[in-house]
Amino acid sequence: MGFFNNNDDEFKVGDKVRVKYRGQEGYIIDKNDSLYMVSLDDGKYVDSYSADQLEKCW
């Protein structure tokens, strides 16, 4: 009845995130299976991370 969301995506393309162990911030630009592709340092670097390595930031 709408109490639970069947969509298990924790993050969406465009979300601003922080890589927990690096402290770097960037934006989700794509998702491939369980990995999120994150653009870091104004697009100079792109790397992939699992959801447990990321946290939303505002």
Protein backbone atom coordinates (compact mmCIF):
# COMPACT_ATOMS: atom_id res chain seq x y z
CA MET A 1 0.00 0.00 0.00
CA GLY A 2 2.83 2.39 -0.58
CA PHE A 3 4.60 1.83 2.72
CA PHE A 4 7.60 0.31 1.03
CA ASN A 5 9.35 1.39 -2.14
CA ASN A 6 10.30 -1.55 -4.36
CA ASN A 7 12.96 0.58 -6.05
CA ASP A 8 16.25 -0.31 -4.33
CA ASP A 9 18.21 2.55 -5.90
CA GLU A 10 19.56 4.58 -3.02
CA PHE A 11 20.95 7.31 -5.28
CA LYS A 12 19.82 8.88 -8.53
CA VAL A 13 21.72 10.43 -11.44
CA GLY A 14 22.41 14.05 -10.51
CA ASP A 15 22.58 13.46 -6.75
CA LYS A 16 25.43 15.21 -4.95
CA VAL A 17 27.36 12.63 -2.93
CA ARG A 18 30.46 12.31 -0.75
CA VAL A 19 32.84 9.36 -0.93
CA LYS A 20 32.98 8.30 2.73
CA TYR A 21 36.60 7.17 2.98
CA ARG A 22 38.03 9.94 0.76
CA GLY A 23 35.91 12.90 1.80
CA GLN A 24 35.60 13.98 -1.84
CA GLU A 25 32.32 15.28 -3.19
CA GLY A 26 30.89 14.80 -6.65
CA TYR A 27 27.79 13.99 -8.65
CA ILE A 28 26.29 10.67 -9.72
CA ILE A 29 26.49 10.55 -13.51
CA ASP A 30 25.52 6.93 -14.20
CA LYS A 31 24.72 3.57 -12.63
CA ASN A 32 26.00 0.20 -13.86
CA ASP A 33 24.53 -2.78 -11.98
CA SER A 34 25.37 -2.07 -8.33
CA LEU A 35 28.04 0.56 -8.98
CA TYR A 36 27.49 4.30 -9.19
CA MET A 37 29.73 6.35 -11.49
CA VAL A 38 30.71 9.57 -9.75
CA SER A 39 32.22 12.67 -11.33
CA LEU A 40 34.74 14.21 -8.91
CA ASP A 41 36.71 17.45 -8.91
CA ASP A 42 34.50 19.27 -11.44
CA GLY A 43 34.63 16.36 -13.89
CA LYS A 44 38.40 15.91 -13.89
CA TYR A 45 38.02 12.43 -12.38
CA VAL A 46 35.37 9.76 -12.72
CA ASP A 47 35.29 6.64 -10.57
CA SER A 48 32.77 3.96 -9.60
CA TYR A 49 31.59 3.23 -6.07
CA SER A 50 29.08 0.96 -4.35
CA ALA A 51 26.21 2.54 -2.43
CA ASP A 52 27.80 1.74 0.96
CA GLN A 53 30.85 3.86 0.01
CA LEU A 54 28.71 6.94 -0.66
CA GLU A 55 26.57 9.31 1.35
CA LYS A 56 24.27 12.09 0.17
CA CYS A 57 25.44 15.59 0.80
CA TRP A 58 23.56 18.85 0.45
